[in-house]
Amino acid sequence: MTPGALGFGPRNARVLLVAIFLIAAGEQLWFPFAPRYLQALGASIYAVAAFGVAKDLLDAVYQFPGGALTAWLGSKRSLLLFNLLAVAGYAAFALARTWWPLLLALPLVMAWQSFSLPATFSIVGSSLPKAERSTAFAWQSIVRRVPIAVAPAIGGALIAGYGVLAGSRIALAVSIVLGLSAMALQAIAYDAEDGQRLHLRDALSGATQLDPLLKRLLFSDMIVRFGQGIGEIFIVLYATTVLNAPAQTFGWLVGLAMVTSIVVYLPAARRADASSRAPWVTLTYLFFAAFPLALAATTTAAWLPVAFVLMGLREIGEPARKALIVELSREGRKSVDVGAYYFARGLAVFPASLVGGVLWHVGPRLTFLAAGIVAALGAAAFFVLVQRREQA
């Protein structure tokens, strides 16, 4: 089967797919173990917490400038820049001999993850017809999740064999090589710049003038993701300390969720491309509610696989949601609109884990019960504000 038959045929889209895989594979070798690397370099638990807060905040605030820069520089130049910044961050991490340079280098490390998201949406929107976009986003999601399922185990083996410091630095070295390889591929293989570029001032102006339907999608998404954020950081604690699942079992459960996502991505995306996208977005939001509710109802580790299958099913409508965002974004300003969308969502969801922490002290199950209820409200909001209006 040819790449075109897979729904990811244009050259820019295929180059992007390979670049995403290379960079994600490199980052997943070491990024999940970054807190341990910090501690090995002498960081306190408060410094580790600051690292986590800074990561979440950067992920939110980078989205809009990433979209504006993409509109100004074009997707090829912007992705090369974001890739270069990330590789510089990996090098700074590898060379650090104490913990505080990692906090300073984190804005560089996050450049590809967060800055590049609007650019990837722009490439899919400009290089693929409407009937193939959900499938294209499904392939992107699969490529991102294969490294999540495999690379951390390799990184863990490096740490087990060489120690936290040496093992992490070997993983970082591999990440640098893969990042540079992705840069070389993008520099050589990308076609000419896509579309007319905007002056930076024009890109920044009118950022709030989103399509009304996109604003309603954003509002619903904020509610669902706030619900997700209430419980997400506490999942590992709930599984391993409340239900007493071994850490290795938890790793397998995460893998089960990733495999479930990979299995459902393409069939659901192809159905969404062939019909309406909105019902699939409603379904994915319902699974965002079902997963934490299933965790709240789980009283023994033996039932955790059921909950983690639901965790994987949360992704069933994500390609359709991303395709809907692209279609509702303005022509010539897609990267700007996507950046504004994710910037607003990130800022709205940012405090959710603090709410979860307060609820955790009251009772761990209450955290996930609240997360499920809030996500269900978001699913209802999307159905009323978007899906029902679309069907009317």
Protein backbone atom coordinates (compact mmCIF):
# COMPACT_ATOMS: atom_id res chain seq x y z
CA MET A 1 0.00 0.00 0.00
CA THR A 2 1.38 3.39 -0.94
CA PRO A 3 1.59 6.31 1.44
CA GLY A 4 -1.02 8.07 -0.63
CA ALA A 5 -3.37 5.16 -0.13
CA LEU A 6 -2.84 5.51 3.57
CA GLY A 7 -4.17 9.05 3.43
CA PHE A 8 -0.81 10.73 4.02
CA GLY A 9 0.49 11.12 0.51
CA PRO A 10 1.76 14.68 -0.11
CA ARG A 11 5.49 15.06 0.42
CA ASN A 12 5.31 17.73 3.14
CA ALA A 13 2.89 15.60 5.14
CA ARG A 14 5.10 12.51 4.84
CA VAL A 15 8.23 14.46 5.81
CA LEU A 16 6.37 15.84 8.82
CA LEU A 17 5.31 12.31 9.81
CA VAL A 18 8.91 11.04 9.80
CA ALA A 19 10.20 14.14 11.64
CA ILE A 20 7.57 13.73 14.35
CA PHE A 21 8.59 10.09 14.81
CA LEU A 22 12.32 10.84 15.03
CA ILE A 23 11.94 13.67 17.53
CA ALA A 24 9.33 11.89 19.66
CA ALA A 25 11.45 8.72 19.77
CA GLY A 26 14.43 10.71 20.99
CA GLU A 27 12.52 12.68 23.62
CA GLN A 28 10.71 9.65 25.02
CA LEU A 29 14.04 7.97 25.76
CA TRP A 30 14.73 10.46 28.56
CA PHE A 31 11.93 12.97 29.12
CA PRO A 32 9.78 10.63 31.28
CA PHE A 33 12.81 10.26 33.58
CA ALA A 34 13.62 13.99 33.75
CA PRO A 35 12.48 14.28 37.41
CA ARG A 36 14.94 11.53 38.41
CA TYR A 37 17.69 13.24 36.38
CA LEU A 38 16.97 16.49 38.24
CA GLN A 39 17.18 14.74 41.61
CA ALA A 40 20.43 13.02 40.63
CA LEU A 41 21.83 16.49 39.90
CA GLY A 42 20.87 17.64 43.39
CA ALA A 43 17.40 19.13 42.89
CA SER A 44 14.95 19.19 45.79
CA ILE A 45 11.36 18.02 45.46
CA TYR A 46 10.36 21.68 45.19
CA ALA A 47 12.71 22.16 42.25
CA VAL A 48 11.21 19.08 40.58
CA ALA A 49 7.73 20.51 41.16
CA ALA A 50 8.85 23.83 39.68
CA PHE A 51 10.11 21.94 36.62
CA GLY A 52 6.69 20.33 36.17
CA VAL A 53 4.82 23.62 36.60
CA ALA A 54 7.16 25.37 34.15
CA LYS A 55 6.63 22.59 31.59
CA ASP A 56 2.83 22.90 31.75
CA LEU A 57 2.96 26.69 31.60
CA LEU A 58 5.33 26.71 28.61
CA ASP A 59 3.12 24.19 26.82
CA ALA A 60 0.24 26.66 27.17
CA VAL A 61 1.93 29.96 26.36
CA TYR A 62 4.04 28.70 23.46
CA GLN A 63 1.08 27.80 21.27
CA PHE A 64 0.09 31.26 20.07
CA PRO A 65 3.60 32.60 19.36
CA GLY A 66 4.27 29.30 17.60
CA GLY A 67 1.28 29.91 15.34
CA ALA A 68 2.26 33.52 14.69
CA LEU A 69 5.85 32.60 13.83
CA THR A 70 4.64 29.88 11.47
CA ALA A 71 2.39 32.36 9.68
CA TRP A 72 5.32 34.79 9.41
CA LEU A 73 8.19 32.44 8.55
CA GLY A 74 6.30 29.67 6.78
CA SER A 75 6.01 26.10 7.99
CA LYS A 76 9.41 24.91 6.71
CA ARG A 77 11.49 27.68 8.30
CA SER A 78 9.49 27.64 11.51
CA LEU A 79 9.77 23.88 12.01
CA LEU A 80 13.52 24.00 11.35
CA LEU A 81 13.84 26.80 13.93
CA PHE A 82 11.78 24.95 16.55
CA ASN A 83 13.77 21.77 15.90
CA LEU A 84 17.07 23.62 16.29
CA LEU A 85 15.98 25.20 19.58
CA ALA A 86 14.94 21.80 20.93
CA VAL A 87 18.28 20.20 19.99
CA ALA A 88 20.10 23.06 21.74
CA GLY A 89 18.00 22.31 24.81
CA TYR A 90 18.89 18.61 24.70
CA ALA A 91 22.57 19.54 24.55
CA ALA A 92 22.21 21.87 27.55
CA PHE A 93 20.52 19.08 29.51
CA ALA A 94 23.29 16.63 28.62
CA LEU A 95 26.07 19.06 29.61
CA ALA A 96 24.49 20.17 32.91
CA ARG A 97 26.43 19.30 36.05
CA THR A 98 23.88 20.71 38.48
CA TRP A 99 20.10 20.97 38.37
CA TRP A 100 19.34 24.66 37.82
CA PRO A 101 20.55 24.87 34.17
CA LEU A 102 17.77 22.38 33.34
CA LEU A 103 15.15 24.93 34.37
CA LEU A 104 16.86 27.52 32.17
CA ALA A 105 17.08 25.12 29.22
CA LEU A 106 13.50 23.84 29.50
CA PRO A 107 12.11 26.64 27.26
CA LEU A 108 14.43 25.35 24.52
CA VAL A 109 13.51 21.71 25.06
CA MET A 110 9.80 22.54 24.84
CA ALA A 111 10.21 24.40 21.55
CA TRP A 112 9.39 21.47 19.27
CA GLN A 113 6.60 19.99 21.39
CA SER A 114 4.69 23.24 21.80
CA PHE A 115 5.79 25.72 19.12
CA SER A 116 5.43 23.19 16.31
CA LEU A 117 1.82 22.16 16.94
CA PRO A 118 0.24 25.04 14.94
CA ALA A 119 2.71 24.40 12.11
CA THR A 120 1.71 20.74 11.88
CA PHE A 121 -1.97 21.72 11.71
CA SER A 122 -1.15 24.24 8.99
CA ILE A 123 0.69 21.63 6.90
CA VAL A 124 -2.21 19.17 7.12
CA GLY A 125 -4.70 21.93 6.29
CA SER A 126 -2.74 23.19 3.28
CA SER A 127 -1.51 19.91 1.80
CA LEU A 128 -4.48 17.57 2.25
CA PRO A 129 -8.11 17.75 1.10
CA LYS A 130 -10.91 17.87 3.65
CA ALA A 131 -11.82 14.22 3.10
CA GLU A 132 -8.37 13.03 4.26
CA ARG A 133 -7.60 15.27 7.24
CA SER A 134 -8.94 13.11 10.07
CA THR A 135 -6.98 10.17 8.67
CA ALA A 136 -3.84 12.32 8.44
CA PHE A 137 -4.18 13.37 12.08
CA ALA A 138 -4.74 9.71 12.99
CA TRP A 139 -1.39 8.84 11.41
CA GLN A 140 0.28 11.70 13.28
CA SER A 141 -1.18 10.45 16.55
CA ILE A 142 -0.07 6.88 15.88
CA VAL A 143 3.45 8.04 15.10
CA ARG A 144 3.56 10.01 18.36
CA ARG A 145 2.31 7.10 20.46
CA VAL A 146 4.53 4.33 19.14
CA PRO A 147 7.58 5.98 20.77
CA ILE A 148 5.59 6.47 24.00
CA ALA A 149 4.91 2.73 24.06
CA VAL A 150 8.51 1.69 23.27
CA ALA A 151 11.15 4.35 23.96
CA PRO A 152 10.67 4.78 27.76
CA ALA A 153 11.43 1.07 28.24
CA ILE A 154 14.71 1.56 26.35
CA GLY A 155 15.50 4.69 28.36
CA GLY A 156 14.72 2.80 31.57
CA ALA A 157 17.10 0.03 30.52
CA LEU A 158 19.84 2.63 29.91
CA ILE A 159 19.31 4.07 33.38
CA ALA A 160 19.25 0.61 34.93
CA GLY A 161 22.47 -0.33 33.16
CA TYR A 162 24.48 2.88 33.47
CA GLY A 163 22.88 4.79 36.33
CA VAL A 164 20.59 7.82 36.25
CA LEU A 165 23.22 10.38 35.18
CA ALA A 166 25.12 8.37 32.59
CA GLY A 167 22.02 6.60 31.27
CA SER A 168 20.14 9.87 30.86
CA ARG A 169 23.07 11.48 29.07
CA ILE A 170 23.36 8.57 26.65
CA ALA A 171 19.64 8.90 25.93
CA LEU A 172 20.06 12.66 25.43
CA ALA A 173 22.93 12.04 23.00
CA VAL A 174 20.70 9.72 20.96
CA SER A 175 17.97 12.37 21.10
CA ILE A 176 20.36 14.98 19.69
CA VAL A 177 21.32 12.68 16.80
CA LEU A 178 17.66 11.95 16.00
CA GLY A 179 16.78 15.65 16.24
CA LEU A 180 19.57 16.63 13.86
CA SER A 181 18.46 13.86 11.49
CA ALA A 182 14.93 15.27 11.52
CA MET A 183 16.33 18.74 10.75
CA ALA A 184 18.33 17.42 7.81
CA LEU A 185 15.28 15.62 6.45
CA GLN A 186 13.11 18.73 6.73
CA ALA A 187 15.75 20.97 5.16
CA ILE A 188 16.19 18.68 2.16
CA ALA A 189 12.80 17.13 1.56
CA TYR A 190 10.19 19.81 2.29
CA ASP A 191 8.58 21.31 -0.82
CA ALA A 192 8.47 25.08 -1.38
CA GLU A 193 6.80 27.17 1.30
CA ASP A 194 3.07 26.67 1.60
CA GLY A 195 0.84 29.63 0.88
CA GLN A 196 1.32 33.36 1.35
CA ARG A 197 3.07 34.34 4.57
CA LEU A 198 1.82 37.06 6.88
CA HIS A 199 3.76 39.94 8.33
CA LEU A 200 4.29 39.24 12.02
CA ARG A 201 2.14 42.23 13.03
CA ASP A 202 -0.71 40.97 10.80
CA ALA A 203 -0.32 37.48 12.22
CA LEU A 204 -0.68 38.79 15.76
CA SER A 205 -3.67 41.00 15.00
CA GLY A 206 -7.17 39.58 14.97
CA ALA A 207 -6.18 36.52 16.98
CA THR A 208 -9.43 36.60 18.97
CA GLN A 209 -11.63 36.79 15.86
CA LEU A 210 -12.13 33.04 15.62
CA ASP A 211 -15.01 31.39 13.82
CA PRO A 212 -18.03 31.27 16.21
CA LEU A 213 -18.28 27.48 15.86
CA LEU A 214 -14.57 27.16 16.67
CA LYS A 215 -15.13 29.25 19.80
CA ARG A 216 -17.90 26.87 20.89
CA LEU A 217 -15.62 23.90 20.26
CA LEU A 218 -12.91 25.64 22.30
CA PHE A 219 -15.32 26.30 25.18
CA SER A 220 -16.35 22.64 25.29
CA ASP A 221 -12.75 21.48 24.99
CA MET A 222 -11.70 23.70 27.91
CA ILE A 223 -14.29 22.05 30.17
CA VAL A 224 -13.35 18.52 29.12
CA ARG A 225 -9.60 19.15 29.48
CA PHE A 226 -10.09 20.83 32.86
CA GLY A 227 -11.79 17.64 33.98
CA GLN A 228 -8.90 15.61 32.58
CA GLY A 229 -6.39 17.86 34.36
CA ILE A 230 -8.06 17.38 37.73
CA GLY A 231 -7.06 13.74 37.86
CA GLU A 232 -4.35 13.11 35.26
CA ILE A 233 -1.26 13.69 37.39
CA PHE A 234 -2.65 11.49 40.19
CA ILE A 235 -3.33 8.38 38.08
CA VAL A 236 0.04 6.78 38.85
CA LEU A 237 -0.35 7.50 42.57
CA TYR A 238 -3.86 6.05 42.63
CA ALA A 239 -2.83 2.89 40.81
CA THR A 240 0.40 2.23 42.71
CA THR A 241 -0.31 3.54 46.24
CA VAL A 242 -4.09 3.29 46.67
CA LEU A 243 -4.71 0.12 44.66
CA ASN A 244 -1.16 -1.23 45.26
CA ALA A 245 -0.41 -2.11 41.63
CA PRO A 246 3.34 -2.70 41.06
CA ALA A 247 5.15 0.01 39.09
CA GLN A 248 5.92 -2.47 36.30
CA THR A 249 2.21 -3.31 36.06
CA PHE A 250 1.42 0.38 35.75
CA GLY A 251 3.86 0.60 32.83
CA TRP A 252 2.05 -2.24 31.10
CA LEU A 253 -1.29 -0.53 31.73
CA VAL A 254 -0.04 2.64 30.04
CA GLY A 255 1.11 0.49 27.13
CA LEU A 256 -2.36 -1.10 26.98
CA ALA A 257 -3.91 2.36 26.72
CA MET A 258 -1.51 3.35 23.94
CA VAL A 259 -2.22 0.15 21.97
CA THR A 260 -5.95 0.72 22.35
CA SER A 261 -5.56 4.24 20.96
CA ILE A 262 -3.46 3.03 18.04
CA VAL A 263 -6.04 0.35 17.16
CA VAL A 264 -9.01 2.75 17.04
CA TYR A 265 -7.38 5.78 15.41
CA LEU A 266 -7.60 4.87 11.73
CA PRO A 267 -11.05 3.19 11.56
CA ALA A 268 -12.65 6.06 13.47
CA ALA A 269 -10.80 8.73 11.48
CA ARG A 270 -11.81 7.22 8.15
CA ARG A 271 -15.44 7.10 9.26
CA ALA A 272 -15.19 10.74 10.37
CA ASP A 273 -13.70 11.73 6.99
CA ALA A 274 -16.55 9.94 5.20
CA SER A 275 -19.33 11.46 7.30
CA SER A 276 -19.68 14.05 10.07
CA ARG A 277 -16.84 14.73 12.50
CA ALA A 278 -18.93 16.07 15.38
CA PRO A 279 -20.37 12.73 16.64
CA TRP A 280 -16.85 11.33 16.96
CA VAL A 281 -15.78 14.35 19.01
CA THR A 282 -18.78 13.85 21.31
CA LEU A 283 -17.82 10.19 21.69
CA THR A 284 -14.20 10.98 22.54
CA TYR A 285 -15.36 13.50 25.17
CA LEU A 286 -17.64 10.87 26.70
CA PHE A 287 -14.64 8.57 27.07
CA PHE A 288 -12.76 11.43 28.74
CA ALA A 289 -15.54 11.28 31.34
CA ALA A 290 -15.78 7.48 31.49
CA PHE A 291 -12.09 6.87 32.26
CA PRO A 292 -11.84 8.79 35.56
CA LEU A 293 -15.28 7.55 36.61
CA ALA A 294 -14.07 3.98 36.01
CA LEU A 295 -10.99 4.70 38.14
CA ALA A 296 -13.19 6.07 40.93
CA ALA A 297 -15.26 2.87 40.80
CA THR A 298 -12.21 0.58 40.80
CA THR A 299 -11.47 -0.93 44.19
CA THR A 300 -8.86 -3.51 43.19
CA ALA A 301 -5.91 -3.49 40.80
CA ALA A 302 -7.40 -6.47 38.94
CA TRP A 303 -9.96 -4.14 37.32
CA LEU A 304 -7.47 -1.49 36.24
CA PRO A 305 -7.09 -2.91 32.69
CA VAL A 306 -10.75 -2.08 32.02
CA ALA A 307 -10.18 1.54 33.07
CA PHE A 308 -7.03 1.83 30.97
CA VAL A 309 -8.80 0.53 27.87
CA LEU A 310 -11.22 3.41 28.41
CA MET A 311 -8.18 5.68 28.74
CA GLY A 312 -7.06 4.56 25.28
CA LEU A 313 -10.54 5.05 23.84
CA ARG A 314 -10.37 8.73 24.81
CA GLU A 315 -8.43 9.18 21.56
CA ILE A 316 -11.11 7.74 19.27
CA GLY A 317 -12.33 11.15 18.13
CA GLU A 318 -9.16 13.20 18.54
CA PRO A 319 -8.22 13.11 14.81
CA ALA A 320 -11.75 14.28 13.99
CA ARG A 321 -11.48 17.11 16.54
CA LYS A 322 -8.17 18.27 15.07
CA ALA A 323 -9.56 18.12 11.53
CA LEU A 324 -12.55 20.17 12.72
CA ILE A 325 -10.19 22.80 14.16
CA VAL A 326 -8.35 23.04 10.82
CA GLU A 327 -11.60 23.38 8.89
CA LEU A 328 -12.94 26.10 11.20
CA SER A 329 -9.67 28.07 11.08
CA ARG A 330 -9.41 30.96 8.62
CA GLU A 331 -7.66 30.46 5.31
CA GLY A 332 -4.22 32.05 5.35
CA ARG A 333 -4.32 32.23 9.16
CA LYS A 334 -4.72 28.59 10.12
CA SER A 335 -1.54 28.39 12.21
CA VAL A 336 -2.50 31.61 14.02
CA ASP A 337 -6.01 30.36 14.82
CA VAL A 338 -4.69 26.98 15.96
CA GLY A 339 -2.09 28.68 18.15
CA ALA A 340 -4.74 30.96 19.68
CA TYR A 341 -7.00 27.95 20.29
CA TYR A 342 -4.37 25.93 22.16
CA PHE A 343 -3.04 28.98 23.99
CA ALA A 344 -6.49 29.77 25.39
CA ARG A 345 -7.14 26.12 26.24
CA GLY A 346 -3.80 25.72 27.98
CA LEU A 347 -4.27 28.78 30.17
CA ALA A 348 -7.79 27.70 31.12
CA VAL A 349 -6.73 24.15 32.04
CA PHE A 350 -3.48 25.10 33.78
CA PRO A 351 -4.89 25.26 37.38
CA ALA A 352 -6.81 21.96 37.15
CA SER A 353 -4.17 19.83 38.88
CA LEU A 354 -4.30 22.16 41.90
CA VAL A 355 -8.02 21.44 42.22
CA GLY A 356 -7.22 17.75 41.97
CA GLY A 357 -4.64 18.08 44.74
CA VAL A 358 -7.17 19.65 47.11
CA LEU A 359 -9.68 16.91 46.34
CA TRP A 360 -7.00 14.22 46.75
CA HIS A 361 -6.51 15.25 50.36
CA VAL A 362 -10.25 14.83 50.94
CA GLY A 363 -10.28 11.44 49.26
CA PRO A 364 -8.45 10.02 46.21
CA ARG A 365 -11.61 8.66 44.59
CA LEU A 366 -13.26 12.07 44.89
CA THR A 367 -10.54 13.45 42.59
CA PHE A 368 -11.52 11.10 39.78
CA LEU A 369 -15.24 11.40 40.45
CA ALA A 370 -14.98 15.19 40.03
CA ALA A 371 -12.80 14.77 36.93
CA GLY A 372 -15.40 12.54 35.29
CA ILE A 373 -18.32 14.84 36.13
CA VAL A 374 -16.56 17.92 34.74
CA ALA A 375 -15.57 16.08 31.54
CA ALA A 376 -19.16 14.87 31.13
CA LEU A 377 -20.35 18.48 31.37
CA GLY A 378 -17.90 19.36 28.60
CA ALA A 379 -19.22 16.53 26.42
CA ALA A 380 -22.78 17.79 26.97
CA ALA A 381 -21.70 21.33 26.09
CA PHE A 382 -20.15 20.15 22.83
CA PHE A 383 -23.25 18.16 21.90
CA VAL A 384 -25.55 21.14 22.51
CA LEU A 385 -23.34 23.92 21.17
CA VAL A 386 -21.71 22.19 18.19
CA GLN A 387 -23.06 18.80 17.18
CA ARG A 388 -26.77 19.62 17.48
CA ARG A 389 -26.28 22.95 15.67
CA GLU A 390 -24.32 21.20 12.92
CA GLN A 391 -27.10 18.65 12.45
CA ALA A 392 -29.88 21.27 12.49
